[in-house]
N, C-alpha and C. Protein backbone atom coordinates (compact mmCIF):
# COMPACT_ATOMS: atom_id res chain seq x y z
N MET A 1 10.96 29.01 16.77
CA MET A 1 10.72 27.52 16.55
C MET A 1 11.88 27.02 15.86
N PRO A 2 12.56 25.86 16.24
CA PRO A 2 13.59 25.30 15.48
C PRO A 2 13.18 24.62 14.29
N VAL A 3 13.99 24.52 13.29
CA VAL A 3 13.52 23.88 12.01
C VAL A 3 13.12 22.39 12.35
N ALA A 4 13.85 21.60 13.21
CA ALA A 4 13.55 20.19 13.29
C ALA A 4 12.21 19.95 13.94
N GLU A 5 11.81 21.01 14.87
CA GLU A 5 10.55 20.83 15.36
C GLU A 5 9.38 21.01 14.37
N ALA A 6 9.56 22.01 13.60
CA ALA A 6 8.64 22.29 12.59
C ALA A 6 8.58 21.09 11.59
N LEU A 7 9.72 20.59 11.23
CA LEU A 7 9.67 19.40 10.26
C LEU A 7 8.90 18.21 11.10
N SER A 8 9.19 17.92 12.22
CA SER A 8 8.56 16.84 12.94
C SER A 8 6.96 17.00 12.89
N TRP A 9 6.69 18.21 13.22
CA TRP A 9 5.12 18.45 13.19
C TRP A 9 4.61 18.36 11.77
N LEU A 10 5.24 18.76 10.82
CA LEU A 10 4.79 18.52 9.44
C LEU A 10 4.64 17.24 9.18
N ILE A 11 5.75 16.39 9.39
CA ILE A 11 5.58 14.87 9.04
C ILE A 11 4.55 14.24 9.80
N ALA A 12 4.38 14.56 11.16
CA ALA A 12 3.25 14.08 11.78
C ALA A 12 1.90 14.35 11.34
N ILE A 13 1.73 15.67 10.97
CA ILE A 13 0.53 15.90 10.29
C ILE A 13 0.14 15.33 9.04
N ILE A 14 1.10 15.13 8.19
CA ILE A 14 1.02 14.45 6.95
C ILE A 14 0.76 13.00 7.14
N ALA A 15 1.50 12.38 8.14
CA ALA A 15 1.31 10.90 8.31
C ALA A 15 -0.06 10.68 8.87
N GLY A 16 -0.66 11.43 9.77
CA GLY A 16 -2.01 11.36 10.33
C GLY A 16 -3.02 11.42 9.22
N SER A 17 -2.95 12.56 8.49
CA SER A 17 -3.87 12.73 7.38
C SER A 17 -3.85 11.63 6.34
N SER A 18 -2.71 11.08 6.03
CA SER A 18 -2.68 9.97 5.00
C SER A 18 -3.08 8.74 5.55
N LEU A 19 -2.80 8.51 6.92
CA LEU A 19 -3.48 7.32 7.54
C LEU A 19 -4.97 7.41 7.65
N ILE A 20 -5.60 8.48 7.96
CA ILE A 20 -7.00 8.62 7.91
C ILE A 20 -7.52 8.38 6.52
N PHE A 21 -6.90 8.91 5.47
CA PHE A 21 -7.34 8.65 4.19
C PHE A 21 -7.32 7.20 3.73
N ALA A 22 -6.17 6.53 4.16
CA ALA A 22 -6.01 5.20 3.69
C ALA A 22 -7.07 4.27 4.46
N VAL A 23 -7.48 4.71 5.76
CA VAL A 23 -8.55 4.02 6.49
C VAL A 23 -9.80 4.14 5.78
N LEU A 24 -10.12 5.35 5.38
CA LEU A 24 -11.38 5.71 4.66
C LEU A 24 -11.56 4.84 3.37
N ALA A 25 -10.42 4.99 2.47
CA ALA A 25 -10.35 4.17 1.27
C ALA A 25 -10.64 2.79 1.46
N TYR A 26 -9.87 2.22 2.53
CA TYR A 26 -10.07 0.77 2.70
C TYR A 26 -11.45 0.46 3.03
N ARG A 27 -12.21 1.20 3.86
CA ARG A 27 -13.55 0.83 4.23
C ARG A 27 -14.38 1.06 3.11
N SER A 28 -14.10 2.02 2.23
CA SER A 28 -15.01 2.31 1.14
C SER A 28 -14.81 1.17 0.08
N VAL A 29 -13.72 0.61 -0.09
CA VAL A 29 -13.43 -0.57 -0.94
C VAL A 29 -14.00 -1.71 -0.40
N MET A 30 -13.92 -2.11 0.83
CA MET A 30 -14.43 -3.30 1.56
C MET A 30 -15.85 -3.25 1.64
N ARG A 31 -16.48 -2.25 1.50
CA ARG A 31 -18.01 -2.14 1.73
C ARG A 31 -18.65 -2.63 0.57
């Protein structure tokens, strides 16, 4: 596996999890 591919997967996973966490935090604050 190339390093660039692994980095892109890692960035995508981190971005997705942080986006989900941001949505959950926003909903908990607005409730």
